[in-house]
Amino acid sequence: MTDIKNIHHFNLAGIVPVDGQPLDFNFPWHDSLIPIGENYLAVEKAVFNCAVAGCDTIWIACSREMQPLIRYRLGDYVVDPIVYFNGAKFGSRPKTKEIPIYYVPTHPKNVDRRNSLPWSIITGAQAAWRVGLKLSRYTCPDKYFVSFPYGMFSPYYMTDFRARIRNNDSLFYVSHEEKSFLSGDYLPFTFTPDDFLKCRRKFRSNEIKPTNADGEKNDPKNVFNGRYFTHDFIFSEVDTTEVVICEVPWYYDVSNWQSLRTWLGSENFLKKPPEFILSARELNPLGETCLTS
């Protein structure tokens, strides 16, 4: 049977990798919750990147312990800002598109073994595919959009690329002066389900297990080295022969304290989106009344 799925049924899943090796901030909260502006956190900016890019769903891969705090800041959905400001209006009310946010925990068997940013991307993409496939072929992701919490740039530069991000004709990534995800920088990129399989295979084939193929024990100092893999190493398997590049005029890496100071002291800044776009709102539970006495 031929596939009747077309561009109108295109599904773009946004992946926000949070669970990874700790950075040098040593805060009592997760590194993704560092402030990057007034009342604006790094993980909130990563989610907003996905909303600007046109994602249909957003999957945050984080540890189970940090889920309540992150969900307290983000809630269950974010409003698509481009549709809200540029879409059709019904009377005096603009059209709104709610993008649901899902929180994906790291599997217990992978804690302290595989928890790294590339594995968080793999975990989020795998959860999006499995959940979507169980619902319908129309909810199964056609492409994945990765947004890191530690890369600062204005997401509105991606506005003109939404149509190219939301199709299978080519891949997409953000670049600044030859810096991109391929150089290990925290800039967004996309990949396909076929790329996902290749990258997951590379991760598994390069990690060292406790025992080798002959049943002999490996050096304990070298096992579970997958937690130290970087995203540029694992996702170098992404096919970039047909790619659309969004060149941004400025970019800051805030993955360490010194670079965060540089960003906060720079002339560039990011304002938190309006509350009706990004705020901690929850969806009504199914099967429960929402009426209050």
C-alpha atoms as a PDB file:
ATOM      1  CA  MET A   1       0.000   0.000   0.000  1.00  0.00           C
ATOM      2  CA  THR A   2       1.385   3.403  -0.891  1.00  0.00           C
ATOM      3  CA  ASP A   3       1.946   5.984   1.827  1.00  0.00           C
ATOM      4  CA  ILE A   4      -0.600   8.803   1.549  1.00  0.00           C
ATOM      5  CA  LYS A   5       1.147  10.912   4.184  1.00  0.00           C
ATOM      6  CA  ASN A   6       1.962  14.334   2.730  1.00  0.00           C
ATOM      7  CA  ILE A   7       3.351  17.706   3.844  1.00  0.00           C
ATOM      8  CA  HIS A   8       0.104  18.531   5.670  1.00  0.00           C
ATOM      9  CA  HIS A   9       0.661  15.495   7.896  1.00  0.00           C
ATOM     10  CA  PHE A  10       4.350  16.196   8.472  1.00  0.00           C
ATOM     11  CA  ASN A  11       5.355  15.635  12.097  1.00  0.00           C
ATOM     12  CA  LEU A  12       8.413  17.404  13.562  1.00  0.00           C
ATOM     13  CA  ALA A  13       9.487  16.276  17.037  1.00  0.00           C
ATOM     14  CA  GLY A  14      11.582  18.655  19.110  1.00  0.00           C
ATOM     15  CA  ILE A  15      14.229  17.077  21.349  1.00  0.00           C
ATOM     16  CA  VAL A  16      15.711  18.953  24.325  1.00  0.00           C
ATOM     17  CA  PRO A  17      18.617  16.958  25.837  1.00  0.00           C
ATOM     18  CA  VAL A  18      19.010  17.778  29.517  1.00  0.00           C
ATOM     19  CA  ASP A  19      20.371  14.688  31.230  1.00  0.00           C
ATOM     20  CA  GLY A  20      24.134  14.543  30.836  1.00  0.00           C
ATOM     21  CA  GLN A  21      27.413  14.798  32.651  1.00  0.00           C
ATOM     22  CA  PRO A  22      27.440  17.676  35.189  1.00  0.00           C
ATOM     23  CA  LEU A  23      29.061  20.958  34.196  1.00  0.00           C
ATOM     24  CA  ASP A  24      31.222  23.120  36.467  1.00  0.00           C
ATOM     25  CA  PHE A  25      28.437  25.245  38.003  1.00  0.00           C
ATOM     26  CA  ASN A  26      27.935  23.045  41.092  1.00  0.00           C
ATOM     27  CA  PHE A  27      24.486  24.489  41.756  1.00  0.00           C
ATOM     28  CA  PRO A  28      21.998  22.577  43.950  1.00  0.00           C
ATOM     29  CA  TRP A  29      19.703  22.456  40.886  1.00  0.00           C
ATOM     30  CA  HIS A  30      20.306  21.099  37.404  1.00  0.00           C
ATOM     31  CA  ASP A  31      22.695  22.916  35.055  1.00  0.00           C
ATOM     32  CA  SER A  32      19.918  23.475  32.510  1.00  0.00           C
ATOM     33  CA  LEU A  33      18.163  25.737  35.044  1.00  0.00           C
ATOM     34  CA  ILE A  34      20.862  28.413  34.968  1.00  0.00           C
ATOM     35  CA  PRO A  35      19.496  31.949  34.386  1.00  0.00           C
ATOM     36  CA  ILE A  36      20.287  33.363  30.959  1.00  0.00           C
ATOM     37  CA  GLY A  37      18.097  36.457  31.327  1.00  0.00           C
ATOM     38  CA  GLU A  38      15.600  38.108  33.630  1.00  0.00           C
ATOM     39  CA  ASN A  39      13.334  35.314  34.875  1.00  0.00           C
ATOM     40  CA  TYR A  40      14.501  33.232  31.905  1.00  0.00           C
ATOM     41  CA  LEU A  41      16.181  29.837  32.240  1.00  0.00           C
ATOM     42  CA  ALA A  42      18.339  27.931  29.759  1.00  0.00           C
ATOM     43  CA  VAL A  43      15.915  25.010  29.408  1.00  0.00           C
ATOM     44  CA  GLU A  44      13.059  27.448  28.738  1.00  0.00           C
ATOM     45  CA  LYS A  45      15.053  28.996  25.918  1.00  0.00           C
ATOM     46  CA  ALA A  46      15.706  25.542  24.421  1.00  0.00           C
ATOM     47  CA  VAL A  47      11.967  24.791  24.448  1.00  0.00           C
ATOM     48  CA  PHE A  48      11.223  28.156  22.859  1.00  0.00           C
ATOM     49  CA  ASN A  49      13.693  27.314  20.067  1.00  0.00           C
ATOM     50  CA  CYS A  50      11.566  24.265  19.261  1.00  0.00           C
ATOM     51  CA  ALA A  51       8.398  26.358  19.223  1.00  0.00           C
ATOM     52  CA  VAL A  52       9.901  28.908  16.804  1.00  0.00           C
ATOM     53  CA  ALA A  53      11.182  26.116  14.549  1.00  0.00           C
ATOM     54  CA  GLY A  54       7.635  24.754  14.190  1.00  0.00           C
ATOM     55  CA  CYS A  55       7.799  21.534  16.208  1.00  0.00           C
ATOM     56  CA  ASP A  56       4.568  19.599  16.734  1.00  0.00           C
ATOM     57  CA  THR A  57       5.727  18.021  19.998  1.00  0.00           C
ATOM     58  CA  ILE A  58       8.621  18.685  22.396  1.00  0.00           C
ATOM     59  CA  TRP A  59      10.392  15.894  24.290  1.00  0.00           C
ATOM     60  CA  ILE A  60      12.629  16.822  27.229  1.00  0.00           C
ATOM     61  CA  ALA A  61      15.029  14.009  28.163  1.00  0.00           C
ATOM     62  CA  CYS A  62      15.943  14.584  31.793  1.00  0.00           C
ATOM     63  CA  SER A  63      16.576  12.623  34.972  1.00  0.00           C
ATOM     64  CA  ARG A  64      13.526  11.554  36.943  1.00  0.00           C
ATOM     65  CA  GLU A  65      14.664  13.567  39.974  1.00  0.00           C
ATOM     66  CA  MET A  66      14.676  16.873  38.068  1.00  0.00           C
ATOM     67  CA  GLN A  67      11.395  16.396  36.207  1.00  0.00           C
ATOM     68  CA  PRO A  68       9.143  18.024  38.852  1.00  0.00           C
ATOM     69  CA  LEU A  69      11.238  21.208  39.014  1.00  0.00           C
ATOM     70  CA  ILE A  70      11.579  21.539  35.232  1.00  0.00           C
ATOM     71  CA  ARG A  71       7.863  20.866  34.773  1.00  0.00           C
ATOM     72  CA  TYR A  72       7.102  23.471  37.434  1.00  0.00           C
ATOM     73  CA  ARG A  73       8.759  26.064  35.179  1.00  0.00           C
ATOM     74  CA  LEU A  74       7.511  24.839  31.794  1.00  0.00           C
ATOM     75  CA  GLY A  75       4.184  23.144  32.381  1.00  0.00           C
ATOM     76  CA  ASP A  76       2.550  20.864  29.825  1.00  0.00           C
ATOM     77  CA  TYR A  77       2.656  22.959  26.664  1.00  0.00           C
ATOM     78  CA  VAL A  78       4.000  26.061  24.942  1.00  0.00           C
ATOM     79  CA  VAL A  79       2.180  28.227  22.388  1.00  0.00           C
ATOM     80  CA  ASP A  80       3.620  28.506  18.882  1.00  0.00           C
ATOM     81  CA  PRO A  81       4.672  32.191  18.676  1.00  0.00           C
ATOM     82  CA  ILE A  82       4.812  32.356  14.878  1.00  0.00           C
ATOM     83  CA  VAL A  83       1.263  31.030  14.470  1.00  0.00           C
ATOM     84  CA  TYR A  84       0.042  33.325  17.238  1.00  0.00           C
ATOM     85  CA  PHE A  85       1.504  36.543  15.828  1.00  0.00           C
ATOM     86  CA  ASN A  86       1.348  35.795  12.088  1.00  0.00           C
ATOM     87  CA  GLY A  87      -1.526  33.326  11.771  1.00  0.00           C
ATOM     88  CA  ALA A  88      -5.160  33.899  10.939  1.00  0.00           C
ATOM     89  CA  LYS A  89      -7.396  35.693  13.406  1.00  0.00           C
ATOM     90  CA  PHE A  90     -10.969  34.813  14.322  1.00  0.00           C
ATOM     91  CA  GLY A  91     -12.620  38.090  15.201  1.00  0.00           C
ATOM     92  CA  SER A  92     -10.291  39.772  17.677  1.00  0.00           C
ATOM     93  CA  ARG A  93      -8.716  36.517  18.861  1.00  0.00           C
ATOM     94  CA  PRO A  94      -5.538  35.258  17.162  1.00  0.00           C
ATOM     95  CA  LYS A  95      -5.142  31.619  16.258  1.00  0.00           C
ATOM     96  CA  THR A  96      -3.240  29.597  18.847  1.00  0.00           C
ATOM     97  CA  LYS A  97      -1.401  26.324  18.449  1.00  0.00           C
ATOM     98  CA  GLU A  98      -0.477  24.511  21.642  1.00  0.00           C
ATOM     99  CA  ILE A  99       2.679  22.400  21.427  1.00  0.00           C
ATOM    100  CA  PRO A 100       2.624  19.651  24.075  1.00  0.00           C
ATOM    101  CA  ILE A 101       5.725  19.053  26.200  1.00  0.00           C
ATOM    102  CA  TYR A 102       6.616  15.509  27.274  1.00  0.00           C
ATOM    103  CA  TYR A 103       9.176  14.581  29.913  1.00  0.00           C
ATOM    104  CA  VAL A 104      11.228  11.474  29.205  1.00  0.00           C
ATOM    105  CA  PRO A 105      13.257   9.952  32.057  1.00  0.00           C
ATOM    106  CA  THR A 106      16.523   8.105  31.610  1.00  0.00           C
ATOM    107  CA  HIS A 107      16.029   4.358  31.942  1.00  0.00           C
ATOM    108  CA  PRO A 108      17.347   3.140  35.331  1.00  0.00           C
ATOM    109  CA  LYS A 109      19.759   0.726  33.650  1.00  0.00           C
ATOM    110  CA  ASN A 110      21.422   3.647  31.836  1.00  0.00           C
ATOM    111  CA  VAL A 111      21.866   5.912  34.861  1.00  0.00           C
ATOM    112  CA  ASP A 112      25.599   6.527  35.496  1.00  0.00           C
ATOM    113  CA  ARG A 113      26.323   4.400  32.438  1.00  0.00           C
ATOM    114  CA  ARG A 114      25.025   6.189  29.370  1.00  0.00           C
ATOM    115  CA  ASN A 115      23.611   9.480  30.648  1.00  0.00           C
ATOM    116  CA  SER A 116      25.120  12.046  28.315  1.00  0.00           C
ATOM    117  CA  LEU A 117      23.741  14.665  25.949  1.00  0.00           C
ATOM    118  CA  PRO A 118      23.934  12.393  22.864  1.00  0.00           C
ATOM    119  CA  TRP A 119      22.184   9.589  24.731  1.00  0.00           C
ATOM    120  CA  SER A 120      19.535  12.068  25.911  1.00  0.00           C
ATOM    121  CA  ILE A 121      18.909  12.945  22.252  1.00  0.00           C
ATOM    122  CA  ILE A 122      18.613   9.243  21.425  1.00  0.00           C
ATOM    123  CA  THR A 123      16.295   8.673  24.410  1.00  0.00           C
ATOM    124  CA  GLY A 124      14.017  11.566  23.457  1.00  0.00           C
ATOM    125  CA  ALA A 125      13.862  10.564  19.792  1.00  0.00           C
ATOM    126  CA  GLN A 126      13.143   6.935  20.659  1.00  0.00           C
ATOM    127  CA  ALA A 127      10.330   7.917  23.029  1.00  0.00           C
ATOM    128  CA  ALA A 128       8.787  10.236  20.415  1.00  0.00           C
ATOM    129  CA  TRP A 129       8.863   7.462  17.809  1.00  0.00           C
ATOM    130  CA  ARG A 130       7.459   4.758  20.086  1.00  0.00           C
ATOM    131  CA  VAL A 131       4.615   6.871  21.450  1.00  0.00           C
ATOM    132  CA  GLY A 132       3.762   8.290  18.029  1.00  0.00           C
ATOM    133  CA  LEU A 133       3.751   4.873  16.386  1.00  0.00           C
ATOM    134  CA  LYS A 134       1.322   3.507  18.969  1.00  0.00           C
ATOM    135  CA  LEU A 135      -1.142   6.306  18.244  1.00  0.00           C
ATOM    136  CA  SER A 136      -1.058   6.646  14.458  1.00  0.00           C
ATOM    137  CA  ARG A 137       1.306   6.768  11.529  1.00  0.00           C
ATOM    138  CA  TYR A 138       0.406  10.455  11.285  1.00  0.00           C
ATOM    139  CA  THR A 139       1.843  11.128  14.748  1.00  0.00           C
ATOM    140  CA  CYS A 140       5.066   9.217  14.113  1.00  0.00           C
ATOM    141  CA  PRO A 141       7.943  11.730  13.684  1.00  0.00           C
ATOM    142  CA  ASP A 142       9.199  12.384  10.158  1.00  0.00           C
ATOM    143  CA  LYS A 143      12.130  14.456  11.408  1.00  0.00           C
ATOM    144  CA  TYR A 144      13.709  15.445  14.719  1.00  0.00           C
ATOM    145  CA  PHE A 145      14.803  18.936  15.763  1.00  0.00           C
ATOM    146  CA  VAL A 146      17.435  19.124  18.532  1.00  0.00           C
ATOM    147  CA  SER A 147      17.715  22.210  20.728  1.00  0.00           C
ATOM    148  CA  PHE A 148      20.384  22.482  23.451  1.00  0.00           C
ATOM    149  CA  PRO A 149      19.961  24.528  26.637  1.00  0.00           C
ATOM    150  CA  TYR A 150      23.540  25.821  26.505  1.00  0.00           C
ATOM    151  CA  GLY A 151      23.624  27.692  23.178  1.00  0.00           C
ATOM    152  CA  MET A 152      22.592  31.353  23.185  1.00  0.00           C
ATOM    153  CA  PHE A 153      21.366  33.002  19.978  1.00  0.00           C
ATOM    154  CA  SER A 154      18.122  34.619  18.892  1.00  0.00           C
ATOM    155  CA  PRO A 155      15.697  31.877  17.804  1.00  0.00           C
ATOM    156  CA  TYR A 156      13.815  34.315  15.565  1.00  0.00           C
ATOM    157  CA  TYR A 157      16.562  33.931  12.969  1.00  0.00           C
ATOM    158  CA  MET A 158      15.007  30.516  12.244  1.00  0.00           C
ATOM    159  CA  THR A 159      11.602  31.996  11.389  1.00  0.00           C
ATOM    160  CA  ASP A 160      12.286  32.211   7.651  1.00  0.00           C
ATOM    161  CA  PHE A 161      13.457  28.572   7.644  1.00  0.00           C
ATOM    162  CA  ARG A 162      10.326  27.005   9.165  1.00  0.00           C
ATOM    163  CA  ALA A 163       9.063  25.638   5.854  1.00  0.00           C
ATOM    164  CA  ARG A 164      12.466  24.103   5.093  1.00  0.00           C
ATOM    165  CA  ILE A 165      12.755  22.627   8.572  1.00  0.00           C
ATOM    166  CA  ARG A 166       9.315  21.050   8.222  1.00  0.00           C
ATOM    167  CA  ASN A 167       9.994  18.915   5.153  1.00  0.00           C
ATOM    168  CA  ASN A 168      12.056  15.911   4.157  1.00  0.00           C
ATOM    169  CA  ASP A 169      13.771  17.551   1.180  1.00  0.00           C
ATOM    170  CA  SER A 170      16.836  18.512   3.228  1.00  0.00           C
ATOM    171  CA  LEU A 171      18.210  18.673   6.740  1.00  0.00           C
ATOM    172  CA  PHE A 172      18.826  21.866   8.673  1.00  0.00           C
ATOM    173  CA  TYR A 173      21.251  23.245  11.201  1.00  0.00           C
ATOM    174  CA  VAL A 174      22.225  26.577  12.726  1.00  0.00           C
ATOM    175  CA  SER A 175      25.769  27.854  12.248  1.00  0.00           C
ATOM    176  CA  HIS A 176      27.902  30.769  13.404  1.00  0.00           C
ATOM    177  CA  GLU A 177      31.344  31.382  11.896  1.00  0.00           C
ATOM    178  CA  GLU A 178      31.778  27.691  11.014  1.00  0.00           C
ATOM    179  CA  LYS A 179      30.537  26.629  14.447  1.00  0.00           C
ATOM    180  CA  SER A 180      27.724  24.099  14.495  1.00  0.00           C
ATOM    181  CA  PHE A 181      26.736  20.810  16.086  1.00  0.00           C
ATOM    182  CA  LEU A 182      29.406  19.187  13.911  1.00  0.00           C
ATOM    183  CA  SER A 183      32.092  21.129  15.804  1.00  0.00           C
ATOM    184  CA  GLY A 184      30.620  20.259  19.196  1.00  0.00           C
ATOM    185  CA  ASP A 185      28.799  23.561  19.706  1.00  0.00           C
ATOM    186  CA  TYR A 186      25.317  23.774  21.202  1.00  0.00           C
ATOM    187  CA  LEU A 187      23.470  24.893  18.086  1.00  0.00           C
ATOM    188  CA  PRO A 188      20.232  23.289  16.819  1.00  0.00           C
ATOM    189  CA  PHE A 189      20.132  20.697  14.054  1.00  0.00           C
ATOM    190  CA  THR A 190      17.763  18.162  12.546  1.00  0.00           C
ATOM    191  CA  PHE A 191      18.074  14.502  11.679  1.00  0.00           C
ATOM    192  CA  THR A 192      15.865  11.821  10.167  1.00  0.00           C
ATOM    193  CA  PRO A 193      14.722   8.432  11.542  1.00  0.00           C
ATOM    194  CA  ASP A 194      17.374   6.769   9.357  1.00  0.00           C
ATOM    195  CA  ASP A 195      20.052   9.021  10.875  1.00  0.00           C
ATOM    196  CA  PHE A 196      18.737   8.082  14.315  1.00  0.00           C
ATOM    197  CA  LEU A 197      19.390   4.391  13.675  1.00  0.00           C
ATOM    198  CA  LYS A 198      22.932   5.071  12.472  1.00  0.00           C
ATOM    199  CA  CYS A 199      23.760   7.310  15.434  1.00  0.00           C
ATOM    200  CA  ARG A 200      22.344   4.883  17.973  1.00  0.00           C
ATOM    201  CA  ARG A 201      24.322   2.078  16.355  1.00  0.00           C
ATOM    202  CA  LYS A 202      27.501   4.166  16.569  1.00  0.00           C
ATOM    203  CA  PHE A 203      26.909   4.881  20.248  1.00  0.00           C
ATOM    204  CA  ARG A 204      26.412   1.220  21.085  1.00  0.00           C
ATOM    205  CA  SER A 205      29.333  -0.009  18.991  1.00  0.00           C
ATOM    206  CA  ASN A 206      31.802   2.450  20.543  1.00  0.00           C
ATOM    207  CA  GLU A 207      30.913   2.007  24.193  1.00  0.00           C
ATOM    208  CA  ILE A 208      32.882  -0.504  26.263  1.00  0.00           C
ATOM    209  CA  LYS A 209      30.799  -3.052  28.133  1.00  0.00           C
ATOM    210  CA  PRO A 210      31.856  -4.726  31.414  1.00  0.00           C
ATOM    211  CA  THR A 211      32.748  -7.891  29.486  1.00  0.00           C
ATOM    212  CA  ASN A 212      34.023  -8.416  25.969  1.00  0.00           C
ATOM    213  CA  ALA A 213      32.781 -10.841  23.332  1.00  0.00           C
ATOM    214  CA  ASP A 214      34.859 -13.658  24.876  1.00  0.00           C
ATOM    215  CA  GLY A 215      33.334 -13.159  28.310  1.00  0.00           C
ATOM    216  CA  GLU A 216      36.465 -11.617  29.780  1.00  0.00           C
ATOM    217  CA  LYS A 217      36.136  -8.629  32.094  1.00  0.00           C
ATOM    218  CA  ASN A 218      37.307  -5.278  30.773  1.00  0.00           C
ATOM    219  CA  ASP A 219      39.176  -2.710  32.815  1.00  0.00           C
ATOM    220  CA  PRO A 220      36.599  -1.113  35.201  1.00  0.00           C
ATOM    221  CA  LYS A 221      38.155   2.299  34.534  1.00  0.00           C
ATOM    222  CA  ASN A 222      37.191   2.094  30.856  1.00  0.00           C
ATOM    223  CA  VAL A 223      33.709   0.574  30.952  1.00  0.00           C
ATOM    224  CA  PHE A 224      30.574   2.631  30.384  1.00  0.00           C
ATOM    225  CA  ASN A 225      32.580   5.233  28.472  1.00  0.00           C
ATOM    226  CA  GLY A 226      29.412   6.191  26.580  1.00  0.00           C
ATOM    227  CA  ARG A 227      28.567   8.745  29.264  1.00  0.00           C
ATOM    228  CA  TYR A 228      31.531  10.790  28.063  1.00  0.00           C
ATOM    229  CA  PHE A 229      30.601  10.756  24.366  1.00  0.00           C
ATOM    230  CA  THR A 230      29.953  14.153  22.790  1.00  0.00           C
ATOM    231  CA  HIS A 231      27.147  14.959  20.374  1.00  0.00           C
ATOM    232  CA  ASP A 232      29.540  15.921  17.569  1.00  0.00           C
ATOM    233  CA  PHE A 233      31.115  12.440  17.750  1.00  0.00           C
ATOM    234  CA  ILE A 234      27.873  10.456  17.783  1.00  0.00           C
ATOM    235  CA  PHE A 235      25.887  12.632  15.367  1.00  0.00           C
ATOM    236  CA  SER A 236      28.667  12.913  12.818  1.00  0.00           C
ATOM    237  CA  GLU A 237      26.698  10.080  11.175  1.00  0.00           C
ATOM    238  CA  VAL A 238      23.965  12.560  10.184  1.00  0.00           C
ATOM    239  CA  ASP A 239      23.878  12.879   6.409  1.00  0.00           C
ATOM    240  CA  THR A 240      24.538  16.569   5.611  1.00  0.00           C
ATOM    241  CA  THR A 241      24.888  16.263   1.826  1.00  0.00           C
ATOM    242  CA  GLU A 242      21.544  18.038   1.372  1.00  0.00           C
ATOM    243  CA  VAL A 243      21.378  20.646   4.109  1.00  0.00           C
ATOM    244  CA  VAL A 244      19.973  24.131   4.703  1.00  0.00           C
ATOM    245  CA  ILE A 245      22.117  26.317   6.972  1.00  0.00           C
ATOM    246  CA  CYS A 246      20.877  29.224   9.067  1.00  0.00           C
ATOM    247  CA  GLU A 247      23.820  31.538   9.735  1.00  0.00           C
ATOM    248  CA  VAL A 248      23.294  33.602  12.888  1.00  0.00           C
ATOM    249  CA  PRO A 249      25.270  36.813  13.574  1.00  0.00           C
ATOM    250  CA  TRP A 250      26.044  35.984  17.200  1.00  0.00           C
ATOM    251  CA  TYR A 251      26.253  32.917  19.415  1.00  0.00           C
ATOM    252  CA  TYR A 252      27.434  32.243  22.976  1.00  0.00           C
ATOM    253  CA  ASP A 253      28.299  28.944  24.647  1.00  0.00           C
ATOM    254  CA  VAL A 254      27.153  29.022  28.297  1.00  0.00           C
ATOM    255  CA  SER A 255      28.223  25.506  29.316  1.00  0.00           C
ATOM    256  CA  ASN A 256      30.691  26.796  31.919  1.00  0.00           C
ATOM    257  CA  TRP A 257      30.801  29.607  34.458  1.00  0.00           C
ATOM    258  CA  GLN A 258      33.283  31.796  32.595  1.00  0.00           C
ATOM    259  CA  SER A 259      31.343  31.646  29.337  1.00  0.00           C
ATOM    260  CA  LEU A 260      28.092  32.349  31.215  1.00  0.00           C
ATOM    261  CA  ARG A 261      29.685  35.504  32.638  1.00  0.00           C
ATOM    262  CA  THR A 262      30.730  36.491  29.121  1.00  0.00           C
ATOM    263  CA  TRP A 263      27.170  36.038  27.860  1.00  0.00           C
ATOM    264  CA  LEU A 264      25.555  37.970  30.719  1.00  0.00           C
ATOM    265  CA  GLY A 265      28.052  40.806  30.269  1.00  0.00           C
ATOM    266  CA  SER A 266      27.684  41.042  26.489  1.00  0.00           C
ATOM    267  CA  GLU A 267      25.705  43.632  24.541  1.00  0.00           C
ATOM    268  CA  ASN A 268      23.348  40.926  23.286  1.00  0.00           C
ATOM    269  CA  PHE A 269      20.495  39.677  25.420  1.00  0.00           C
ATOM    270  CA  LEU A 270      17.364  37.551  25.265  1.00  0.00           C
ATOM    271  CA  LYS A 271      13.999  38.539  26.709  1.00  0.00           C
ATOM    272  CA  LYS A 272      11.668  35.909  28.032  1.00  0.00           C
ATOM    273  CA  PRO A 273       8.659  35.394  25.737  1.00  0.00           C
ATOM    274  CA  PRO A 274       5.304  36.759  26.913  1.00  0.00           C
ATOM    275  CA  GLU A 275       3.515  34.770  29.583  1.00  0.00           C
ATOM    276  CA  PHE A 276       0.749  33.652  27.208  1.00  0.00           C
ATOM    277  CA  ILE A 277       3.449  32.018  25.025  1.00  0.00           C
ATOM    278  CA  LEU A 278       5.713  30.416  27.612  1.00  0.00           C
ATOM    279  CA  SER A 279       4.445  29.827  31.136  1.00  0.00           C
ATOM    280  CA  ALA A 280       3.848  26.904  33.461  1.00  0.00           C
ATOM    281  CA  ARG A 281       0.349  25.904  32.382  1.00  0.00           C
ATOM    282  CA  GLU A 282      -1.065  22.431  32.710  1.00  0.00           C
ATOM    283  CA  LEU A 283      -3.497  20.506  30.554  1.00  0.00           C
ATOM    284  CA  ASN A 284      -6.675  19.219  32.121  1.00  0.00           C
ATOM    285  CA  PRO A 285      -6.414  15.561  33.220  1.00  0.00           C
ATOM    286  CA  LEU A 286      -8.506  13.108  31.224  1.00  0.00           C
ATOM    287  CA  GLY A 287     -11.554  11.756  33.008  1.00  0.00           C
ATOM    288  CA  GLU A 288     -11.477  14.362  35.770  1.00  0.00           C
ATOM    289  CA  THR A 289     -13.818  17.284  36.210  1.00  0.00           C
ATOM    290  CA  CYS A 290     -12.301  20.753  36.171  1.00  0.00           C
ATOM    291  CA  LEU A 291     -15.236  22.464  37.851  1.00  0.00           C
ATOM    292  CA  THR A 292     -14.632  23.962  41.252  1.00  0.00           C
ATOM    293  CA  SER A 293     -17.305  24.448  43.836  1.00  0.00           C
END
